Amino acid sequence: MTDTLLKESIIKHLIVNFGHVQTERFIALVTKEPFDYTKWQENLYEDMSVEELSARAMANRINKKKLQKG
């Protein structure tokens, strides 16, 4: 996947899930504030057990398959 396709896909996903206004708000936040994704990711799931994380991952996988089937 090219960088352009990746950006387009992410923007479309944000718009579908959050709407145009919240997507614009998110882009503004990300571009104006320093953001270390690696550090953020380190603490993202610290309050979640392995079982909970696994259950969420499986649910996301199932939902993604449903969306792909249309």
PDB file of N, CA and C in Angstrom:
ATOM      1  N   MET A   1       0.848  -1.174   0.000  1.00  0.00           N
ATOM      2  CA  MET A   1       0.000   0.000   0.000  1.00  0.00           C
ATOM      3  C   MET A   1       0.897   1.242   0.000  1.00  0.00           C
ATOM      4  N   THR A   2       0.577   2.172  -0.855  1.00  0.00           N
ATOM      5  CA  THR A   2       1.361   3.402  -0.923  1.00  0.00           C
ATOM      6  C   THR A   2       1.000   4.327   0.238  1.00  0.00           C
ATOM      7  N   ASP A   3       1.844   5.304   0.493  1.00  0.00           N
ATOM      8  CA  ASP A   3       1.562   6.276   1.549  1.00  0.00           C
ATOM      9  C   ASP A   3       0.264   7.024   1.266  1.00  0.00           C
ATOM     10  N   THR A   4       0.041   7.366   0.012  1.00  0.00           N
ATOM     11  CA  THR A   4      -1.175   8.094  -0.363  1.00  0.00           C
ATOM     12  C   THR A   4      -2.414   7.256  -0.090  1.00  0.00           C
ATOM     13  N   LEU A   5      -2.387   5.992  -0.486  1.00  0.00           N
ATOM     14  CA  LEU A   5      -3.537   5.115  -0.227  1.00  0.00           C
ATOM     15  C   LEU A   5      -3.757   4.916   1.264  1.00  0.00           C
ATOM     16  N   LEU A   6      -2.689   4.804   2.013  1.00  0.00           N
ATOM     17  CA  LEU A   6      -2.805   4.652   3.458  1.00  0.00           C
ATOM     18  C   LEU A   6      -3.486   5.875   4.070  1.00  0.00           C
ATOM     19  N   LYS A   7      -3.024   7.066   3.696  1.00  0.00           N
ATOM     20  CA  LYS A   7      -3.632   8.299   4.217  1.00  0.00           C
ATOM     21  C   LYS A   7      -5.099   8.394   3.833  1.00  0.00           C
ATOM     22  N   GLU A   8      -5.422   8.097   2.583  1.00  0.00           N
ATOM     23  CA  GLU A   8      -6.808   8.159   2.129  1.00  0.00           C
ATOM     24  C   GLU A   8      -7.686   7.178   2.896  1.00  0.00           C
ATOM     25  N   SER A   9      -7.185   5.984   3.098  1.00  0.00           N
ATOM     26  CA  SER A   9      -7.932   4.960   3.814  1.00  0.00           C
ATOM     27  C   SER A   9      -8.204   5.382   5.260  1.00  0.00           C
ATOM     28  N   ILE A  10      -7.190   5.928   5.910  1.00  0.00           N
ATOM     29  CA  ILE A  10      -7.345   6.346   7.302  1.00  0.00           C
ATOM     30  C   ILE A  10      -8.326   7.504   7.407  1.00  0.00           C
ATOM     31  N   ILE A  11      -8.224   8.473   6.507  1.00  0.00           N
ATOM     32  CA  ILE A  11      -9.144   9.613   6.535  1.00  0.00           C
ATOM     33  C   ILE A  11     -10.585   9.132   6.322  1.00  0.00           C
ATOM     34  N   LYS A  12     -10.789   8.238   5.363  1.00  0.00           N
ATOM     35  CA  LYS A  12     -12.138   7.700   5.125  1.00  0.00           C
ATOM     36  C   LYS A  12     -12.659   6.977   6.361  1.00  0.00           C
ATOM     37  N   HIS A  13     -11.790   6.193   6.999  1.00  0.00           N
ATOM     38  CA  HIS A  13     -12.186   5.471   8.216  1.00  0.00           C
ATOM     39  C   HIS A  13     -12.587   6.454   9.316  1.00  0.00           C
ATOM     40  N   LEU A  14     -11.795   7.489   9.508  1.00  0.00           N
ATOM     41  CA  LEU A  14     -12.112   8.486  10.524  1.00  0.00           C
ATOM     42  C   LEU A  14     -13.442   9.169  10.236  1.00  0.00           C
ATOM     43  N   ILE A  15     -13.668   9.550   8.989  1.00  0.00           N
ATOM     44  CA  ILE A  15     -14.914  10.222   8.631  1.00  0.00           C
ATOM     45  C   ILE A  15     -16.116   9.315   8.875  1.00  0.00           C
ATOM     46  N   VAL A  16     -16.026   8.062   8.457  1.00  0.00           N
ATOM     47  CA  VAL A  16     -17.134   7.118   8.646  1.00  0.00           C
ATOM     48  C   VAL A  16     -17.437   6.912  10.131  1.00  0.00           C
ATOM     49  N   ASN A  17     -16.391   6.804  10.941  1.00  0.00           N
ATOM     50  CA  ASN A  17     -16.586   6.483  12.345  1.00  0.00           C
ATOM     51  C   ASN A  17     -16.781   7.692  13.254  1.00  0.00           C
ATOM     52  N   PHE A  18     -16.271   8.861  12.842  1.00  0.00           N
ATOM     53  CA  PHE A  18     -16.341  10.022  13.727  1.00  0.00           C
ATOM     54  C   PHE A  18     -16.980  11.249  13.092  1.00  0.00           C
ATOM     55  N   GLY A  19     -17.180  11.236  11.786  1.00  0.00           N
ATOM     56  CA  GLY A  19     -17.757  12.387  11.102  1.00  0.00           C
ATOM     57  C   GLY A  19     -16.682  13.372  10.662  1.00  0.00           C
ATOM     58  N   HIS A  20     -17.100  14.296   9.811  1.00  0.00           N
ATOM     59  CA  HIS A  20     -16.151  15.256   9.242  1.00  0.00           C
ATOM     60  C   HIS A  20     -15.563  16.193  10.299  1.00  0.00           C
ATOM     61  N   VAL A  21     -16.400  16.699  11.189  1.00  0.00           N
ATOM     62  CA  VAL A  21     -15.933  17.679  12.174  1.00  0.00           C
ATOM     63  C   VAL A  21     -14.898  17.067  13.110  1.00  0.00           C
ATOM     64  N   GLN A  22     -15.188  15.892  13.648  1.00  0.00           N
ATOM     65  CA  GLN A  22     -14.255  15.253  14.572  1.00  0.00           C
ATOM     66  C   GLN A  22     -12.969  14.828  13.854  1.00  0.00           C
ATOM     67  N   THR A  23     -13.085  14.438  12.591  1.00  0.00           N
ATOM     68  CA  THR A  23     -11.888  14.089  11.819  1.00  0.00           C
ATOM     69  C   THR A  23     -10.999  15.309  11.645  1.00  0.00           C
ATOM     70  N   GLU A  24     -11.595  16.439  11.286  1.00  0.00           N
ATOM     71  CA  GLU A  24     -10.821  17.678  11.157  1.00  0.00           C
ATOM     72  C   GLU A  24     -10.196  18.063  12.499  1.00  0.00           C
ATOM     73  N   ARG A  25     -10.942  17.889  13.557  1.00  0.00           N
ATOM     74  CA  ARG A  25     -10.428  18.198  14.899  1.00  0.00           C
ATOM     75  C   ARG A  25      -9.230  17.316  15.230  1.00  0.00           C
ATOM     76  N   PHE A  26      -9.341  16.036  14.925  1.00  0.00           N
ATOM     77  CA  PHE A  26      -8.251  15.100  15.188  1.00  0.00           C
ATOM     78  C   PHE A  26      -6.997  15.489  14.395  1.00  0.00           C
ATOM     79  N   ILE A  27      -7.171  15.788  13.122  1.00  0.00           N
ATOM     80  CA  ILE A  27      -6.034  16.166  12.281  1.00  0.00           C
ATOM     81  C   ILE A  27      -5.370  17.424  12.837  1.00  0.00           C
ATOM     82  N   ALA A  28      -6.165  18.391  13.256  1.00  0.00           N
ATOM     83  CA  ALA A  28      -5.605  19.615  13.827  1.00  0.00           C
ATOM     84  C   ALA A  28      -4.818  19.313  15.096  1.00  0.00           C
ATOM     85  N   LEU A  29      -5.353  18.441  15.947  1.00  0.00           N
ATOM     86  CA  LEU A  29      -4.654  18.081  17.182  1.00  0.00           C
ATOM     87  C   LEU A  29      -3.328  17.392  16.897  1.00  0.00           C
ATOM     88  N   VAL A  30      -3.333  16.475  15.977  1.00  0.00           N
ATOM     89  CA  VAL A  30      -2.125  15.704  15.663  1.00  0.00           C
ATOM     90  C   VAL A  30      -1.055  16.584  15.021  1.00  0.00           C
ATOM     91  N   THR A  31      -1.474  17.515  14.184  1.00  0.00           N
ATOM     92  CA  THR A  31      -0.490  18.328  13.485  1.00  0.00           C
ATOM     93  C   THR A  31       0.070  19.470  14.326  1.00  0.00           C
ATOM     94  N   LYS A  32      -0.670  19.939  15.327  1.00  0.00           N
ATOM     95  CA  LYS A  32      -0.168  21.083  16.098  1.00  0.00           C
ATOM     96  C   LYS A  32       0.550  20.692  17.381  1.00  0.00           C
ATOM     97  N   GLU A  33       0.326  19.493  17.883  1.00  0.00           N
ATOM     98  CA  GLU A  33       0.962  19.066  19.124  1.00  0.00           C
ATOM     99  C   GLU A  33       1.968  17.957  18.844  1.00  0.00           C
ATOM    100  N   PRO A  34       3.132  18.008  19.505  1.00  0.00           N
ATOM    101  CA  PRO A  34       4.061  16.885  19.350  1.00  0.00           C
ATOM    102  C   PRO A  34       3.421  15.608  19.891  1.00  0.00           C
ATOM    103  N   PHE A  35       3.565  14.542  19.173  1.00  0.00           N
ATOM    104  CA  PHE A  35       2.902  13.295  19.546  1.00  0.00           C
ATOM    105  C   PHE A  35       3.857  12.139  19.291  1.00  0.00           C
ATOM    106  N   ASP A  36       4.233  11.447  20.341  1.00  0.00           N
ATOM    107  CA  ASP A  36       5.129  10.294  20.215  1.00  0.00           C
ATOM    108  C   ASP A  36       4.280   9.024  20.246  1.00  0.00           C
ATOM    109  N   TYR A  37       3.981   8.508  19.072  1.00  0.00           N
ATOM    110  CA  TYR A  37       3.114   7.334  18.959  1.00  0.00           C
ATOM    111  C   TYR A  37       3.681   6.150  19.728  1.00  0.00           C
ATOM    112  N   THR A  38       4.983   5.964  19.688  1.00  0.00           N
ATOM    113  CA  THR A  38       5.607   4.822  20.366  1.00  0.00           C
ATOM    114  C   THR A  38       5.381   4.891  21.864  1.00  0.00           C
ATOM    115  N   LYS A  39       5.596   6.056  22.454  1.00  0.00           N
ATOM    116  CA  LYS A  39       5.368   6.199  23.896  1.00  0.00           C
ATOM    117  C   LYS A  39       3.899   6.016  24.239  1.00  0.00           C
ATOM    118  N   TRP A  40       3.018   6.588  23.425  1.00  0.00           N
ATOM    119  CA  TRP A  40       1.579   6.457  23.651  1.00  0.00           C
ATOM    120  C   TRP A  40       1.170   4.985  23.599  1.00  0.00           C
ATOM    121  N   GLN A  41       1.688   4.253  22.642  1.00  0.00           N
ATOM    122  CA  GLN A  41       1.363   2.845  22.451  1.00  0.00           C
ATOM    123  C   GLN A  41       1.808   1.989  23.631  1.00  0.00           C
ATOM    124  N   GLU A  42       2.925   2.362  24.263  1.00  0.00           N
ATOM    125  CA  GLU A  42       3.441   1.590  25.395  1.00  0.00           C
ATOM    126  C   GLU A  42       2.435   1.499  26.540  1.00  0.00           C
ATOM    127  N   ASN A  43       1.660   2.551  26.737  1.00  0.00           N
ATOM    128  CA  ASN A  43       0.719   2.599  27.862  1.00  0.00           C
ATOM    129  C   ASN A  43      -0.732   2.375  27.463  1.00  0.00           C
ATOM    130  N   LEU A  44      -0.982   2.153  26.208  1.00  0.00           N
ATOM    131  CA  LEU A  44      -2.349   2.086  25.700  1.00  0.00           C
ATOM    132  C   LEU A  44      -3.176   0.985  26.353  1.00  0.00           C
ATOM    133  N   TYR A  45      -2.588  -0.162  26.549  1.00  0.00           N
ATOM    134  CA  TYR A  45      -3.349  -1.311  27.051  1.00  0.00           C
ATOM    135  C   TYR A  45      -2.882  -1.765  28.435  1.00  0.00           C
ATOM    136  N   GLU A  46      -2.230  -0.906  29.184  1.00  0.00           N
ATOM    137  CA  GLU A  46      -1.660  -1.323  30.458  1.00  0.00           C
ATOM    138  C   GLU A  46      -2.713  -1.731  31.486  1.00  0.00           C
ATOM    139  N   ASP A  47      -3.932  -1.224  31.393  1.00  0.00           N
ATOM    140  CA  ASP A  47      -4.988  -1.572  32.340  1.00  0.00           C
ATOM    141  C   ASP A  47      -5.843  -2.749  31.870  1.00  0.00           C
ATOM    142  N   MET A  48      -5.424  -3.408  30.799  1.00  0.00           N
ATOM    143  CA  MET A  48      -6.208  -4.487  30.216  1.00  0.00           C
ATOM    144  C   MET A  48      -5.448  -5.811  30.349  1.00  0.00           C
ATOM    145  N   SER A  49      -6.163  -6.850  30.747  1.00  0.00           N
ATOM    146  CA  SER A  49      -5.528  -8.164  30.849  1.00  0.00           C
ATOM    147  C   SER A  49      -5.298  -8.736  29.455  1.00  0.00           C
ATOM    148  N   VAL A  50      -4.477  -9.756  29.389  1.00  0.00           N
ATOM    149  CA  VAL A  50      -4.211 -10.412  28.108  1.00  0.00           C
ATOM    150  C   VAL A  50      -5.509 -10.987  27.538  1.00  0.00           C
ATOM    151  N   GLU A  51      -6.348 -11.523  28.402  1.00  0.00           N
ATOM    152  CA  GLU A  51      -7.621 -12.092  27.961  1.00  0.00           C
ATOM    153  C   GLU A  51      -8.531 -11.019  27.362  1.00  0.00           C
ATOM    154  N   GLU A  52      -8.597  -9.856  28.019  1.00  0.00           N
ATOM    155  CA  GLU A  52      -9.426  -8.764  27.504  1.00  0.00           C
ATOM    156  C   GLU A  52      -8.892  -8.254  26.167  1.00  0.00           C
ATOM    157  N   LEU A  53      -7.596  -8.112  26.085  1.00  0.00           N
ATOM    158  CA  LEU A  53      -6.974  -7.654  24.845  1.00  0.00           C
ATOM    159  C   LEU A  53      -7.230  -8.645  23.717  1.00  0.00           C
ATOM    160  N   SER A  54      -7.109  -9.924  24.013  1.00  0.00           N
ATOM    161  CA  SER A  54      -7.362 -10.961  23.017  1.00  0.00           C
ATOM    162  C   SER A  54      -8.822 -10.932  22.560  1.00  0.00           C
ATOM    163  N   ALA A  55      -9.750 -10.781  23.495  1.00  0.00           N
ATOM    164  CA  ALA A  55     -11.173 -10.737  23.156  1.00  0.00           C
ATOM    165  C   ALA A  55     -11.477  -9.544  22.252  1.00  0.00           C
ATOM    166  N   ARG A  56     -10.883  -8.397  22.551  1.00  0.00           N
ATOM    167  CA  ARG A  56     -11.103  -7.209  21.715  1.00  0.00           C
ATOM    168  C   ARG A  56     -10.514  -7.409  20.323  1.00  0.00           C
ATOM    169  N   ALA A  57      -9.345  -8.019  20.257  1.00  0.00           N
ATOM    170  CA  ALA A  57      -8.716  -8.265  18.962  1.00  0.00           C
ATOM    171  C   ALA A  57      -9.573  -9.210  18.120  1.00  0.00           C
ATOM    172  N   MET A  58     -10.093 -10.249  18.738  1.00  0.00           N
ATOM    173  CA  MET A  58     -10.945 -11.202  17.997  1.00  0.00           C
ATOM    174  C   MET A  58     -12.237 -10.531  17.534  1.00  0.00           C
ATOM    175  N   ALA A  59     -12.832  -9.702  18.389  1.00  0.00           N
ATOM    176  CA  ALA A  59     -14.056  -8.991  18.012  1.00  0.00           C
ATOM    177  C   ALA A  59     -13.786  -8.055  16.835  1.00  0.00           C
ATOM    178  N   ASN A  60     -12.658  -7.365  16.860  1.00  0.00           N
ATOM    179  CA  ASN A  60     -12.302  -6.482  15.748  1.00  0.00           C
ATOM    180  C   ASN A  60     -12.103  -7.273  14.465  1.00  0.00           C
ATOM    181  N   ARG A  61     -11.488  -8.432  14.581  1.00  0.00           N
ATOM    182  CA  ARG A  61     -11.261  -9.272  13.395  1.00  0.00           C
ATOM    183  C   ARG A  61     -12.588  -9.736  12.797  1.00  0.00           C
ATOM    184  N   ILE A  62     -13.508 -10.166  13.660  1.00  0.00           N
ATOM    185  CA  ILE A  62     -14.824 -10.613  13.195  1.00  0.00           C
ATOM    186  C   ILE A  62     -15.571  -9.466  12.531  1.00  0.00           C
ATOM    187  N   ASN A  63     -15.551  -8.285  13.157  1.00  0.00           N
ATOM    188  CA  ASN A  63     -16.226  -7.123  12.579  1.00  0.00           C
ATOM    189  C   ASN A  63     -15.628  -6.735  11.233  1.00  0.00           C
ATOM    190  N   LYS A  64     -14.319  -6.811  11.131  1.00  0.00           N
ATOM    191  CA  LYS A  64     -13.665  -6.470   9.866  1.00  0.00           C
ATOM    192  C   LYS A  64     -14.097  -7.426   8.758  1.00  0.00           C
ATOM    193  N   LYS A  65     -14.191  -8.720   9.085  1.00  0.00           N
ATOM    194  CA  LYS A  65     -14.640  -9.704   8.086  1.00  0.00           C
ATOM    195  C   LYS A  65     -16.072  -9.438   7.664  1.00  0.00           C
ATOM    196  N   LYS A  66     -16.925  -9.069   8.615  1.00  0.00           N
ATOM    197  CA  LYS A  66     -18.328  -8.753   8.298  1.00  0.00           C
ATOM    198  C   LYS A  66     -18.412  -7.557   7.368  1.00  0.00           C
ATOM    199  N   LEU A  67     -17.602  -6.537   7.644  1.00  0.00           N
ATOM    200  CA  LEU A  67     -17.609  -5.329   6.805  1.00  0.00           C
ATOM    201  C   LEU A  67     -17.114  -5.635   5.396  1.00  0.00           C
ATOM    202  N   GLN A  68     -16.131  -6.518   5.278  1.00  0.00           N
ATOM    203  CA  GLN A  68     -15.586  -6.856   3.973  1.00  0.00           C
ATOM    204  C   GLN A  68     -16.596  -7.625   3.130  1.00  0.00           C
ATOM    205  N   LYS A  69     -17.438  -8.417   3.798  1.00  0.00           N
ATOM    206  CA  LYS A  69     -18.454  -9.195   3.070  1.00  0.00           C
ATOM    207  C   LYS A  69     -19.605  -8.297   2.626  1.00  0.00           C
ATOM    208  N   GLY A  70     -19.760  -7.165   3.319  1.00  0.00           N
ATOM    209  CA  GLY A  70     -20.761  -6.185   2.918  1.00  0.00           C
ATOM    210  C   GLY A  70     -22.097  -6.523   3.402  1.00  0.00           C
TER     211      GLY A  70
END
